[in-house]
Amino acid sequence: MSSSLDVLPKVGAPATRALNAAGYTALRELAGARRADLATLHGMGPKALGIIENALKEHSLRLG
């Protein structure tokens, strides 16, 4: 499954709300973001972080 850089990957409602509240609305905005910072967001768990990392990897990008 290929992910678009213009939308957030499907990580579940709590994680999506957390990302939106932190100002992230697209996958491209997460490239270079610190994993530790994202992990502190309420609603962001290991599964959601893994999905984000895999989606970024499809575009040769990664978290910071």
Protein backbone atom coordinates (compact mmCIF):
# COMPACT_ATOMS: atom_id res chain seq x y z
CA MET A 1 0.00 0.00 0.00
CA SER A 2 1.46 3.33 -1.04
CA SER A 3 0.92 6.37 1.14
CA SER A 4 0.60 9.95 -0.02
CA LEU A 5 2.84 12.66 1.39
CA ASP A 6 -0.15 15.04 1.41
CA VAL A 7 -2.26 13.22 4.01
CA LEU A 8 -1.59 11.53 7.31
CA PRO A 9 -1.44 7.73 7.26
CA LYS A 10 -4.31 5.86 8.90
CA VAL A 11 -3.06 5.64 12.49
CA GLY A 12 -6.36 5.66 14.37
CA ALA A 13 -8.52 8.48 15.67
CA PRO A 14 -6.63 9.26 18.93
CA ALA A 15 -3.26 9.47 17.17
CA THR A 16 -4.73 11.50 14.30
CA ARG A 17 -6.26 13.96 16.77
CA ALA A 18 -2.92 14.21 18.58
CA LEU A 19 -1.05 14.91 15.35
CA ASN A 20 -3.60 17.51 14.23
CA ALA A 21 -3.47 19.24 17.62
CA ALA A 22 0.32 19.40 17.29
CA GLY A 23 -0.03 20.99 13.85
CA TYR A 24 0.69 17.98 11.64
CA THR A 25 -1.76 17.55 8.77
CA ALA A 26 0.35 15.71 6.18
CA LEU A 27 2.91 12.92 6.17
CA ARG A 28 5.57 15.22 4.66
CA GLU A 29 5.39 17.40 7.79
CA LEU A 30 6.47 14.45 9.93
CA ALA A 31 9.71 13.88 8.02
CA GLY A 32 12.52 14.80 10.39
CA ALA A 33 10.23 15.16 13.42
CA ARG A 34 11.77 13.64 16.53
CA ARG A 35 10.27 10.25 17.37
CA ALA A 36 10.62 11.02 21.08
CA ASP A 37 8.57 14.21 20.67
CA LEU A 38 5.81 12.42 18.78
CA ALA A 39 5.76 9.65 21.40
CA THR A 40 4.86 12.18 24.08
CA LEU A 41 1.65 13.21 22.29
CA HIS A 42 -1.46 11.96 24.07
CA GLY A 43 -2.96 9.22 21.90
CA MET A 44 0.26 8.38 20.07
CA GLY A 45 1.38 4.83 20.74
CA PRO A 46 4.03 2.47 19.41
CA LYS A 47 1.71 1.08 16.73
CA ALA A 48 0.93 4.54 15.32
CA LEU A 49 4.61 5.48 15.37
CA GLY A 50 5.44 2.31 13.46
CA ILE A 51 2.81 3.08 10.83
CA ILE A 52 4.22 6.59 10.43
CA GLU A 53 7.78 5.29 10.14
CA ASN A 54 6.77 2.74 7.50
CA ALA A 55 4.84 5.36 5.52
CA LEU A 56 7.83 7.70 5.58
CA LYS A 57 10.14 4.87 4.56
CA GLU A 58 8.07 4.34 1.38
CA HIS A 59 9.22 7.82 0.33
CA SER A 60 12.84 7.38 1.53
CA LEU A 61 12.11 9.67 4.49
CA ARG A 62 12.35 9.08 8.22
CA LEU A 63 11.73 10.55 11.62
CA GLY A 64 14.52 12.54 13.24
